[in-house]
Amino acid sequence: MKSGHLLGVIIIIGMALLTAVLTGCTTLNQTDRQKTQTFNTDQVIADLAPQIETLYLSWHELDQTYKDIKFLERGFLFDPDDLQLGTIQKAGLYVQDASVRIRHQWEQLSVLHYIRPEMMRDYLTLRVNGLTSAIKEIGYDEQFLTIYGSFITHDAVIEDLNRAREGIKKNRDLLNQILERLLPVANPTEPPLAL
């Protein structure tokens, strides 16, 4: 009876210790999470709002330039020099590609006020990753646009492609500015594991 009673007491004490340890860890994790989440989400959104609005307007200008290029492209449909048409179409695809990437980034940033405050830092971390990738890809679009644009001879198309290049650069610069604002408030990146 004594050994059974002793075993019961040991089990109860063990359960109490286990509960205390688990409760302590949970409290510690919640405290650590609260410390990392202490930033003013309303202020972050207010700081970013003007740049996000400017990004939308700048993207809209680029999208209009793309539509102008597509309109001019129609004039080459029956031209015997289909090489010029193909080059204009390829250049236009890179303008469209950059435009789609920029629009997507704007869409992702425009919903910040819908994100729950406790999830904001995680969302901003995702946006940092998305912006970094998009800026890199838009840079490639800009390079290919320059390559294809050098083979185009029609003055109006050249003018629109130059406007498109300027628009892409302007949008890329805006994305970089937004990225710089997000970096301090996003979750810190973990160093890669050594293999």
N, C-alpha and C. Protein backbone atom coordinates (compact mmCIF):
# COMPACT_ATOMS: atom_id res chain seq x y z
N MET A 1 0.82 -1.19 0.00
CA MET A 1 0.00 0.00 0.00
C MET A 1 0.86 1.24 0.00
N LYS A 2 1.98 1.16 0.81
CA LYS A 2 2.85 2.31 0.86
C LYS A 2 3.50 2.59 -0.49
N SER A 3 3.96 1.55 -1.15
CA SER A 3 4.62 1.76 -2.45
C SER A 3 3.62 2.25 -3.50
N GLY A 4 2.38 1.79 -3.43
CA GLY A 4 1.34 2.27 -4.34
C GLY A 4 1.00 3.72 -4.08
N HIS A 5 0.96 4.08 -2.79
CA HIS A 5 0.69 5.46 -2.40
C HIS A 5 1.86 6.36 -2.83
N LEU A 6 3.06 5.87 -2.62
CA LEU A 6 4.26 6.63 -3.01
C LEU A 6 4.30 6.83 -4.52
N LEU A 7 3.96 5.82 -5.26
CA LEU A 7 3.92 5.92 -6.72
C LEU A 7 2.89 6.95 -7.17
N GLY A 8 1.73 6.96 -6.50
CA GLY A 8 0.69 7.94 -6.82
C GLY A 8 1.15 9.36 -6.56
N VAL A 9 1.85 9.57 -5.42
CA VAL A 9 2.37 10.90 -5.09
C VAL A 9 3.40 11.33 -6.11
N ILE A 10 4.28 10.42 -6.50
CA ILE A 10 5.32 10.74 -7.50
C ILE A 10 4.66 11.11 -8.83
N ILE A 11 3.64 10.40 -9.22
CA ILE A 11 2.94 10.70 -10.48
C ILE A 11 2.29 12.08 -10.40
N ILE A 12 1.65 12.38 -9.27
CA ILE A 12 1.00 13.69 -9.10
C ILE A 12 2.04 14.81 -9.14
N ILE A 13 3.14 14.61 -8.42
CA ILE A 13 4.21 15.63 -8.42
C ILE A 13 4.79 15.78 -9.83
N GLY A 14 5.01 14.68 -10.51
CA GLY A 14 5.52 14.72 -11.88
C GLY A 14 4.59 15.47 -12.82
N MET A 15 3.29 15.21 -12.67
CA MET A 15 2.31 15.90 -13.51
C MET A 15 2.30 17.39 -13.21
N ALA A 16 2.40 17.74 -11.92
CA ALA A 16 2.43 19.15 -11.53
C ALA A 16 3.66 19.85 -12.10
N LEU A 17 4.81 19.18 -12.02
CA LEU A 17 6.05 19.76 -12.59
C LEU A 17 5.94 19.91 -14.11
N LEU A 18 5.41 18.88 -14.74
CA LEU A 18 5.25 18.94 -16.20
C LEU A 18 4.32 20.08 -16.59
N THR A 19 3.23 20.25 -15.86
CA THR A 19 2.29 21.35 -16.13
C THR A 19 2.97 22.70 -15.93
N ALA A 20 3.76 22.81 -14.86
CA ALA A 20 4.47 24.07 -14.57
C ALA A 20 5.47 24.39 -15.67
N VAL A 21 6.20 23.37 -16.12
CA VAL A 21 7.19 23.59 -17.18
C VAL A 21 6.50 24.01 -18.47
N LEU A 22 5.46 23.29 -18.85
CA LEU A 22 4.75 23.62 -20.10
C LEU A 22 4.10 24.99 -20.02
N THR A 23 3.52 25.32 -18.90
CA THR A 23 2.90 26.64 -18.73
C THR A 23 3.96 27.72 -18.79
N GLY A 24 5.08 27.49 -18.17
CA GLY A 24 6.18 28.46 -18.20
C GLY A 24 6.69 28.67 -19.62
N CYS A 25 6.84 27.61 -20.38
CA CYS A 25 7.30 27.73 -21.78
C CYS A 25 6.29 28.49 -22.61
N THR A 26 5.02 28.19 -22.42
CA THR A 26 3.99 28.88 -23.18
C THR A 26 4.01 30.37 -22.87
N THR A 27 4.11 30.70 -21.59
CA THR A 27 4.15 32.10 -21.18
C THR A 27 5.37 32.78 -21.76
N LEU A 28 6.50 32.08 -21.73
CA LEU A 28 7.73 32.64 -22.27
C LEU A 28 7.59 32.89 -23.78
N ASN A 29 7.04 31.91 -24.49
CA ASN A 29 6.86 32.08 -25.93
C ASN A 29 5.90 33.23 -26.23
N GLN A 30 4.82 33.36 -25.47
CA GLN A 30 3.89 34.45 -25.70
C GLN A 30 4.56 35.79 -25.42
N THR A 31 5.37 35.84 -24.36
CA THR A 31 6.07 37.08 -24.03
C THR A 31 7.05 37.44 -25.14
N ASP A 32 7.82 36.44 -25.60
CA ASP A 32 8.77 36.70 -26.69
C ASP A 32 8.04 37.17 -27.93
N ARG A 33 6.92 36.54 -28.25
CA ARG A 33 6.15 36.91 -29.44
C ARG A 33 5.61 38.34 -29.30
N GLN A 34 5.13 38.68 -28.08
CA GLN A 34 4.62 40.03 -27.87
C GLN A 34 5.72 41.06 -28.04
N LYS A 35 6.94 40.73 -27.57
CA LYS A 35 8.05 41.67 -27.73
C LYS A 35 8.36 41.91 -29.21
N THR A 36 8.33 40.83 -30.01
CA THR A 36 8.65 40.99 -31.43
C THR A 36 7.51 41.66 -32.19
N GLN A 37 6.30 41.62 -31.64
CA GLN A 37 5.16 42.19 -32.34
C GLN A 37 4.87 43.63 -31.94
N THR A 38 5.69 44.22 -31.05
CA THR A 38 5.39 45.55 -30.56
C THR A 38 5.84 46.61 -31.56
N PHE A 39 5.03 46.86 -32.51
CA PHE A 39 5.19 47.99 -33.40
C PHE A 39 3.80 48.43 -33.82
N ASN A 40 3.68 49.67 -34.18
CA ASN A 40 2.38 50.25 -34.45
C ASN A 40 1.97 49.95 -35.89
N THR A 41 1.05 49.00 -36.07
CA THR A 41 0.64 48.62 -37.42
C THR A 41 -0.06 49.78 -38.13
N ASP A 42 -0.84 50.57 -37.38
CA ASP A 42 -1.50 51.72 -38.01
C ASP A 42 -0.48 52.71 -38.56
N GLN A 43 0.61 52.89 -37.84
CA GLN A 43 1.65 53.82 -38.29
C GLN A 43 2.37 53.27 -39.52
N VAL A 44 2.62 51.96 -39.52
CA VAL A 44 3.26 51.33 -40.68
C VAL A 44 2.39 51.53 -41.92
N ILE A 45 1.10 51.28 -41.78
CA ILE A 45 0.17 51.43 -42.90
C ILE A 45 0.11 52.89 -43.35
N ALA A 46 0.03 53.81 -42.41
CA ALA A 46 -0.02 55.24 -42.74
C ALA A 46 1.25 55.69 -43.46
N ASP A 47 2.39 55.18 -43.02
CA ASP A 47 3.67 55.55 -43.66
C ASP A 47 3.76 55.02 -45.09
N LEU A 48 3.20 53.84 -45.31
CA LEU A 48 3.30 53.22 -46.63
C LEU A 48 2.22 53.69 -47.61
N ALA A 49 1.10 54.17 -47.10
CA ALA A 49 -0.05 54.51 -47.96
C ALA A 49 0.31 55.45 -49.12
N PRO A 50 1.05 56.55 -48.90
CA PRO A 50 1.36 57.43 -50.04
C PRO A 50 2.19 56.73 -51.12
N GLN A 51 3.12 55.89 -50.71
CA GLN A 51 3.94 55.19 -51.70
C GLN A 51 3.14 54.13 -52.45
N ILE A 52 2.22 53.48 -51.75
CA ILE A 52 1.38 52.48 -52.41
C ILE A 52 0.45 53.16 -53.42
N GLU A 53 -0.09 54.31 -53.06
CA GLU A 53 -0.93 55.07 -54.00
C GLU A 53 -0.13 55.54 -55.21
N THR A 54 1.08 56.03 -54.97
CA THR A 54 1.95 56.47 -56.06
C THR A 54 2.30 55.30 -56.97
N LEU A 55 2.52 54.13 -56.37
CA LEU A 55 2.82 52.93 -57.15
C LEU A 55 1.65 52.61 -58.08
N TYR A 56 0.43 52.71 -57.57
CA TYR A 56 -0.73 52.43 -58.42
C TYR A 56 -0.79 53.38 -59.60
N LEU A 57 -0.61 54.67 -59.35
CA LEU A 57 -0.68 55.67 -60.42
C LEU A 57 0.44 55.46 -61.43
N SER A 58 1.62 55.15 -60.94
CA SER A 58 2.77 54.91 -61.82
C SER A 58 2.55 53.64 -62.65
N TRP A 59 2.01 52.60 -62.01
CA TRP A 59 1.70 51.38 -62.75
C TRP A 59 0.67 51.68 -63.84
N HIS A 60 -0.34 52.48 -63.52
CA HIS A 60 -1.39 52.80 -64.48
C HIS A 60 -0.80 53.49 -65.71
N GLU A 61 0.16 54.38 -65.51
CA GLU A 61 0.83 55.04 -66.65
C GLU A 61 1.56 54.02 -67.51
N LEU A 62 2.25 53.09 -66.87
CA LEU A 62 2.97 52.04 -67.61
C LEU A 62 2.00 51.17 -68.38
N ASP A 63 0.89 50.82 -67.77
CA ASP A 63 -0.12 50.00 -68.44
C ASP A 63 -0.67 50.72 -69.67
N GLN A 64 -0.87 52.04 -69.57
CA GLN A 64 -1.34 52.82 -70.72
C GLN A 64 -0.30 52.82 -71.83
N THR A 65 0.97 52.92 -71.46
CA THR A 65 2.05 52.87 -72.46
C THR A 65 2.04 51.52 -73.17
N TYR A 66 1.82 50.44 -72.41
CA TYR A 66 1.73 49.12 -73.03
C TYR A 66 0.58 49.07 -74.03
N LYS A 67 -0.55 49.64 -73.66
CA LYS A 67 -1.71 49.66 -74.58
C LYS A 67 -1.40 50.48 -75.83
N ASP A 68 -0.63 51.55 -75.67
CA ASP A 68 -0.24 52.37 -76.83
C ASP A 68 0.67 51.57 -77.77
N ILE A 69 1.57 50.79 -77.20
CA ILE A 69 2.46 49.94 -78.01
C ILE A 69 1.63 48.91 -78.76
N LYS A 70 0.67 48.30 -78.09
CA LYS A 70 -0.19 47.30 -78.75
C LYS A 70 -1.01 47.93 -79.88
N PHE A 71 -1.42 49.18 -79.68
CA PHE A 71 -2.17 49.87 -80.73
C PHE A 71 -1.28 50.10 -81.96
N LEU A 72 -0.05 50.56 -81.72
CA LEU A 72 0.88 50.79 -82.84
C LEU A 72 1.26 49.48 -83.53
N GLU A 73 1.30 48.41 -82.76
CA GLU A 73 1.65 47.09 -83.30
C GLU A 73 0.69 46.68 -84.42
N ARG A 74 -0.57 47.08 -84.30
CA ARG A 74 -1.57 46.70 -85.32
C ARG A 74 -1.22 47.25 -86.70
N GLY A 75 -0.52 48.38 -86.72
CA GLY A 75 -0.13 48.96 -88.00
C GLY A 75 0.87 48.12 -88.77
N PHE A 76 1.49 47.16 -88.09
CA PHE A 76 2.50 46.32 -88.74
C PHE A 76 1.96 44.95 -89.12
N LEU A 77 0.67 44.72 -88.90
CA LEU A 77 0.10 43.40 -89.18
C LEU A 77 0.21 43.00 -90.64
N PHE A 78 0.07 43.97 -91.54
CA PHE A 78 0.10 43.64 -92.97
C PHE A 78 1.38 44.14 -93.63
N ASP A 79 2.34 44.51 -92.82
CA ASP A 79 3.62 44.97 -93.33
C ASP A 79 4.40 43.76 -93.85
N PRO A 80 5.04 43.89 -95.02
CA PRO A 80 5.80 42.76 -95.53
C PRO A 80 6.99 42.37 -94.63
N ASP A 81 7.46 43.32 -93.81
CA ASP A 81 8.58 43.04 -92.91
C ASP A 81 8.03 42.52 -91.58
N ASP A 82 7.73 41.21 -91.56
CA ASP A 82 7.14 40.67 -90.33
C ASP A 82 8.16 40.54 -89.20
N LEU A 83 9.45 40.70 -89.53
CA LEU A 83 10.48 40.68 -88.50
C LEU A 83 10.29 41.87 -87.56
N GLN A 84 9.95 43.04 -88.12
CA GLN A 84 9.71 44.23 -87.31
C GLN A 84 8.50 44.01 -86.39
N LEU A 85 7.45 43.40 -86.93
CA LEU A 85 6.26 43.10 -86.12
C LEU A 85 6.62 42.16 -84.97
N GLY A 86 7.36 41.11 -85.27
CA GLY A 86 7.74 40.14 -84.24
C GLY A 86 8.59 40.79 -83.14
N THR A 87 9.48 41.69 -83.54
CA THR A 87 10.32 42.37 -82.56
C THR A 87 9.50 43.30 -81.68
N ILE A 88 8.56 44.01 -82.28
CA ILE A 88 7.68 44.90 -81.50
C ILE A 88 6.83 44.07 -80.53
N GLN A 89 6.32 42.94 -81.00
CA GLN A 89 5.51 42.08 -80.14
C GLN A 89 6.32 41.55 -78.96
N LYS A 90 7.56 41.15 -79.21
CA LYS A 90 8.40 40.63 -78.12
C LYS A 90 8.72 41.73 -77.13
N ALA A 91 9.05 42.91 -77.62
CA ALA A 91 9.32 44.03 -76.72
C ALA A 91 8.07 44.34 -75.89
N GLY A 92 6.91 44.31 -76.54
CA GLY A 92 5.65 44.57 -75.85
C GLY A 92 5.38 43.54 -74.75
N LEU A 93 5.78 42.29 -74.99
CA LEU A 93 5.58 41.25 -73.97
C LEU A 93 6.38 41.54 -72.70
N TYR A 94 7.58 42.11 -72.86
CA TYR A 94 8.38 42.43 -71.68
C TYR A 94 7.80 43.63 -70.93
N VAL A 95 7.21 44.55 -71.66
CA VAL A 95 6.51 45.66 -71.00
C VAL A 95 5.32 45.11 -70.22
N GLN A 96 4.57 44.22 -70.86
CA GLN A 96 3.41 43.61 -70.21
C GLN A 96 3.84 42.80 -68.98
N ASP A 97 4.92 42.04 -69.12
CA ASP A 97 5.40 41.22 -68.02
C ASP A 97 5.75 42.08 -66.81
N ALA A 98 6.49 43.16 -67.04
CA ALA A 98 6.83 44.08 -65.94
C ALA A 98 5.57 44.70 -65.35
N SER A 99 4.64 45.07 -66.20
CA SER A 99 3.39 45.68 -65.74
C SER A 99 2.60 44.74 -64.85
N VAL A 100 2.53 43.48 -65.23
CA VAL A 100 1.80 42.48 -64.44
C VAL A 100 2.47 42.28 -63.08
N ARG A 101 3.79 42.22 -63.08
CA ARG A 101 4.52 42.04 -61.81
C ARG A 101 4.27 43.24 -60.88
N ILE A 102 4.33 44.43 -61.43
CA ILE A 102 4.13 45.64 -60.63
C ILE A 102 2.70 45.68 -60.09
N ARG A 103 1.75 45.37 -60.93
CA ARG A 103 0.34 45.35 -60.50
C ARG A 103 0.14 44.33 -59.36
N HIS A 104 0.76 43.18 -59.51
CA HIS A 104 0.62 42.15 -58.48
C HIS A 104 1.19 42.65 -57.14
N GLN A 105 2.33 43.31 -57.18
CA GLN A 105 2.91 43.83 -55.94
C GLN A 105 2.00 44.90 -55.33
N TRP A 106 1.44 45.75 -56.17
CA TRP A 106 0.51 46.76 -55.66
C TRP A 106 -0.69 46.09 -54.98
N GLU A 107 -1.24 45.06 -55.64
CA GLU A 107 -2.40 44.36 -55.06
C GLU A 107 -2.07 43.78 -53.69
N GLN A 108 -0.88 43.20 -53.57
CA GLN A 108 -0.48 42.60 -52.30
C GLN A 108 -0.27 43.66 -51.20
N LEU A 109 0.19 44.84 -51.60
CA LEU A 109 0.43 45.91 -50.63
C LEU A 109 -0.85 46.67 -50.28
N SER A 110 -1.79 46.71 -51.20
CA SER A 110 -2.99 47.52 -50.99
C SER A 110 -3.94 46.93 -49.95
N VAL A 111 -3.70 45.71 -49.51
CA VAL A 111 -4.59 45.06 -48.54
C VAL A 111 -4.03 45.10 -47.12
N LEU A 112 -3.00 45.88 -46.87
CA LEU A 112 -2.37 45.90 -45.55
C LEU A 112 -3.36 46.18 -44.43
N HIS A 113 -4.31 47.08 -44.68
CA HIS A 113 -5.25 47.42 -43.61
C HIS A 113 -6.22 46.28 -43.27
N TYR A 114 -6.24 45.21 -44.07
CA TYR A 114 -7.08 44.06 -43.76
C TYR A 114 -6.34 43.00 -42.93
N ILE A 115 -5.04 43.15 -42.79
CA ILE A 115 -4.24 42.16 -42.07
C ILE A 115 -4.38 42.38 -40.57
N ARG A 116 -4.61 41.30 -39.84
CA ARG A 116 -4.72 41.41 -38.38
C ARG A 116 -3.39 41.89 -37.81
N PRO A 117 -3.42 42.78 -36.82
CA PRO A 117 -2.18 43.32 -36.25
C PRO A 117 -1.18 42.26 -35.81
N GLU A 118 -1.67 41.17 -35.21
CA GLU A 118 -0.75 40.14 -34.73
C GLU A 118 -0.10 39.35 -35.87
N MET A 119 -0.65 39.47 -37.07
CA MET A 119 -0.09 38.78 -38.23
C MET A 119 0.67 39.72 -39.16
N MET A 120 0.67 41.00 -38.84
CA MET A 120 1.26 42.00 -39.74
C MET A 120 2.74 41.75 -40.01
N ARG A 121 3.50 41.46 -38.99
CA ARG A 121 4.95 41.27 -39.19
C ARG A 121 5.21 40.09 -40.13
N ASP A 122 4.46 39.01 -39.99
CA ASP A 122 4.62 37.86 -40.88
C ASP A 122 4.24 38.24 -42.31
N TYR A 123 3.15 38.99 -42.46
CA TYR A 123 2.72 39.41 -43.80
C TYR A 123 3.78 40.32 -44.43
N LEU A 124 4.32 41.23 -43.66
CA LEU A 124 5.35 42.13 -44.19
C LEU A 124 6.60 41.35 -44.59
N THR A 125 6.89 40.29 -43.87
CA THR A 125 8.03 39.45 -44.23
C THR A 125 7.79 38.79 -45.59
N LEU A 126 6.57 38.32 -45.79
CA LEU A 126 6.21 37.76 -47.11
C LEU A 126 6.33 38.82 -48.21
N ARG A 127 5.91 40.04 -47.90
CA ARG A 127 5.99 41.12 -48.87
C ARG A 127 7.44 41.47 -49.20
N VAL A 128 8.32 41.43 -48.20
CA VAL A 128 9.74 41.67 -48.44
C VAL A 128 10.27 40.64 -49.43
N ASN A 129 9.92 39.38 -49.21
CA ASN A 129 10.37 38.33 -50.13
C ASN A 129 9.79 38.52 -51.52
N GLY A 130 8.49 38.84 -51.60
CA GLY A 130 7.84 39.05 -52.89
C GLY A 130 8.41 40.25 -53.63
N LEU A 131 8.63 41.34 -52.92
CA LEU A 131 9.19 42.55 -53.54
C LEU A 131 10.60 42.30 -54.04
N THR A 132 11.40 41.61 -53.25
CA THR A 132 12.79 41.33 -53.65
C THR A 132 12.81 40.54 -54.95
N SER A 133 11.99 39.52 -55.03
CA SER A 133 11.90 38.70 -56.24
C SER A 133 11.37 39.50 -57.42
N ALA A 134 10.31 40.28 -57.21
CA ALA A 134 9.71 41.06 -58.29
C ALA A 134 10.68 42.10 -58.84
N ILE A 135 11.40 42.78 -57.96
CA ILE A 135 12.35 43.81 -58.40
C ILE A 135 13.42 43.19 -59.29
N LYS A 136 13.88 42.02 -58.91
CA LYS A 136 14.88 41.30 -59.71
C LYS A 136 14.32 40.94 -61.09
N GLU A 137 13.11 40.38 -61.11
CA GLU A 137 12.49 39.98 -62.38
C GLU A 137 12.18 41.18 -63.27
N ILE A 138 11.73 42.27 -62.67
CA ILE A 138 11.44 43.49 -63.44
C ILE A 138 12.72 44.03 -64.05
N GLY A 139 13.83 43.89 -63.35
CA GLY A 139 15.13 44.28 -63.91
C GLY A 139 15.45 43.50 -65.17
N TYR A 140 15.15 42.19 -65.17
CA TYR A 140 15.35 41.37 -66.37
C TYR A 140 14.45 41.82 -67.51
N ASP A 141 13.19 42.13 -67.18
CA ASP A 141 12.26 42.63 -68.21
C ASP A 141 12.82 43.90 -68.85
N GLU A 142 13.36 44.76 -68.03
CA GLU A 142 13.93 46.02 -68.52
C GLU A 142 15.12 45.76 -69.44
N GLN A 143 15.96 44.80 -69.08
CA GLN A 143 17.11 44.47 -69.92
C GLN A 143 16.68 43.91 -71.27
N PHE A 144 15.72 42.98 -71.27
CA PHE A 144 15.25 42.40 -72.53
C PHE A 144 14.55 43.43 -73.39
N LEU A 145 13.84 44.35 -72.75
CA LEU A 145 13.18 45.43 -73.49
C LEU A 145 14.23 46.28 -74.20
N THR A 146 15.33 46.55 -73.57
CA THR A 146 16.42 47.32 -74.19
C THR A 146 17.00 46.56 -75.38
N ILE A 147 17.18 45.26 -75.21
CA ILE A 147 17.74 44.44 -76.31
C ILE A 147 16.81 44.46 -77.51
N TYR A 148 15.54 44.12 -77.31
CA TYR A 148 14.60 44.08 -78.44
C TYR A 148 14.34 45.47 -79.00
N GLY A 149 14.31 46.47 -78.14
CA GLY A 149 14.06 47.84 -78.60
C GLY A 149 15.13 48.35 -79.54
N SER A 150 16.34 47.84 -79.43
CA SER A 150 17.42 48.32 -80.31
C SER A 150 17.24 47.87 -81.76
N PHE A 151 16.35 46.91 -82.02
CA PHE A 151 16.11 46.43 -83.39
C PHE A 151 14.86 47.06 -84.02
N ILE A 152 14.19 47.94 -83.30
CA ILE A 152 12.97 48.56 -83.80
C ILE A 152 13.31 49.88 -84.46
N THR A 153 12.73 50.13 -85.63
CA THR A 153 13.07 51.33 -86.41
C THR A 153 11.95 52.36 -86.47
N HIS A 154 10.76 52.00 -86.12
CA HIS A 154 9.62 52.91 -86.22
C HIS A 154 9.68 53.92 -85.08
N ASP A 155 9.67 55.22 -85.41
CA ASP A 155 9.87 56.29 -84.42
C ASP A 155 8.83 56.29 -83.31
N ALA A 156 7.55 56.13 -83.66
CA ALA A 156 6.50 56.17 -82.63
C ALA A 156 6.64 55.00 -81.66
N VAL A 157 7.00 53.83 -82.18
CA VAL A 157 7.18 52.67 -81.31
C VAL A 157 8.40 52.89 -80.41
N ILE A 158 9.47 53.42 -80.99
CA ILE A 158 10.68 53.70 -80.19
C ILE A 158 10.35 54.67 -79.07
N GLU A 159 9.57 55.68 -79.37
CA GLU A 159 9.17 56.67 -78.36
C GLU A 159 8.39 56.00 -77.23
N ASP A 160 7.44 55.14 -77.59
CA ASP A 160 6.65 54.45 -76.57
C ASP A 160 7.50 53.46 -75.77
N LEU A 161 8.44 52.80 -76.42
CA LEU A 161 9.32 51.88 -75.69
C LEU A 161 10.22 52.63 -74.71
N ASN A 162 10.67 53.81 -75.11
CA ASN A 162 11.47 54.63 -74.20
C ASN A 162 10.63 55.06 -72.99
N ARG A 163 9.36 55.42 -73.26
CA ARG A 163 8.45 55.77 -72.16
C ARG A 163 8.23 54.57 -71.24
N ALA A 164 8.11 53.40 -71.87
CA ALA A 164 7.91 52.17 -71.09
C ALA A 164 9.13 51.90 -70.21
N ARG A 165 10.33 52.05 -70.77
CA ARG A 165 11.55 51.84 -69.99
C ARG A 165 11.62 52.80 -68.80
N GLU A 166 11.28 54.07 -69.06
CA GLU A 166 11.26 55.06 -67.97
C GLU A 166 10.21 54.68 -66.92
N GLY A 167 9.04 54.22 -67.39
CA GLY A 167 7.98 53.81 -66.46
C GLY A 167 8.38 52.61 -65.63
N ILE A 168 9.03 51.64 -66.26
CA ILE A 168 9.49 50.46 -65.53
C ILE A 168 10.51 50.86 -64.48
N LYS A 169 11.44 51.72 -64.86
CA LYS A 169 12.47 52.17 -63.91
C LYS A 169 11.82 52.92 -62.74
N LYS A 170 10.86 53.79 -63.04
CA LYS A 170 10.17 54.56 -62.00
C LYS A 170 9.46 53.61 -61.03
N ASN A 171 8.77 52.61 -61.57
CA ASN A 171 8.06 51.65 -60.73
C ASN A 171 9.04 50.79 -59.92
N ARG A 172 10.13 50.40 -60.54
CA ARG A 172 11.14 49.60 -59.82
C ARG A 172 11.73 50.40 -58.67
N ASP A 173 11.99 51.69 -58.91
CA ASP A 173 12.50 52.56 -57.84
C ASP A 173 11.49 52.67 -56.69
N LEU A 174 10.20 52.80 -57.03
CA LEU A 174 9.16 52.85 -55.99
C LEU A 174 9.11 51.56 -55.19
N LEU A 175 9.20 50.43 -55.88
CA LEU A 175 9.20 49.15 -55.19
C LEU A 175 10.41 49.03 -54.26
N ASN A 176 11.56 49.54 -54.71
CA ASN A 176 12.75 49.53 -53.86
C ASN A 176 12.55 50.40 -52.62
N GLN A 177 11.92 51.56 -52.79
CA GLN A 177 11.66 52.44 -51.64
C GLN A 177 10.73 51.75 -50.63
N ILE A 178 9.70 51.10 -51.14
CA ILE A 178 8.77 50.39 -50.25
C ILE A 178 9.51 49.25 -49.55
N LEU A 179 10.34 48.53 -50.28
CA LEU A 179 11.12 47.45 -49.69
C LEU A 179 11.99 47.96 -48.55
N GLU A 180 12.65 49.09 -48.76
CA GLU A 180 13.50 49.67 -47.71
C GLU A 180 12.69 50.03 -46.46
N ARG A 181 11.46 50.48 -46.66
CA ARG A 181 10.60 50.81 -45.51
C ARG A 181 10.13 49.55 -44.77
N LEU A 182 9.96 48.45 -45.51
CA LEU A 182 9.47 47.22 -44.90
C LEU A 182 10.55 46.45 -44.15
N LEU A 183 11.77 46.54 -44.60
CA LEU A 183 12.84 45.74 -44.00
C LEU A 183 12.95 45.90 -42.48
N PRO A 184 12.90 47.12 -41.93
CA PRO A 184 13.04 47.24 -40.47
C PRO A 184 11.86 46.66 -39.68
N VAL A 185 10.68 46.57 -40.27
CA VAL A 185 9.52 46.08 -39.52
C VAL A 185 9.17 44.64 -39.82
N ALA A 186 9.81 44.04 -40.80
CA ALA A 186 9.57 42.63 -41.10
C ALA A 186 10.33 41.77 -40.11
N ASN A 187 9.97 40.49 -40.04
CA ASN A 187 10.69 39.57 -39.18
C ASN A 187 12.13 39.50 -39.63
N PRO A 188 13.07 39.43 -38.69
CA PRO A 188 14.46 39.29 -39.11
C PRO A 188 14.66 37.96 -39.80
N THR A 189 15.50 37.96 -40.82
CA THR A 189 15.74 36.72 -41.56
C THR A 189 16.69 35.84 -40.76
N GLU A 190 16.44 34.57 -40.84
CA GLU A 190 17.29 33.61 -40.14
C GLU A 190 18.52 33.33 -41.01
N PRO A 191 19.69 33.23 -40.38
CA PRO A 191 20.87 32.89 -41.17
C PRO A 191 20.74 31.47 -41.70
N PRO A 192 21.29 31.19 -42.89
CA PRO A 192 21.17 29.85 -43.44
C PRO A 192 21.90 28.84 -42.55
N LEU A 193 21.37 27.62 -42.50
CA LEU A 193 22.01 26.57 -41.71
C LEU A 193 23.29 26.13 -42.41
N ALA A 194 24.32 25.93 -41.64
CA ALA A 194 25.59 25.44 -42.18
C ALA A 194 25.44 23.95 -42.49
N LEU A 195 25.93 23.57 -43.64
CA LEU A 195 25.85 22.16 -44.02
C LEU A 195 27.13 21.44 -43.69
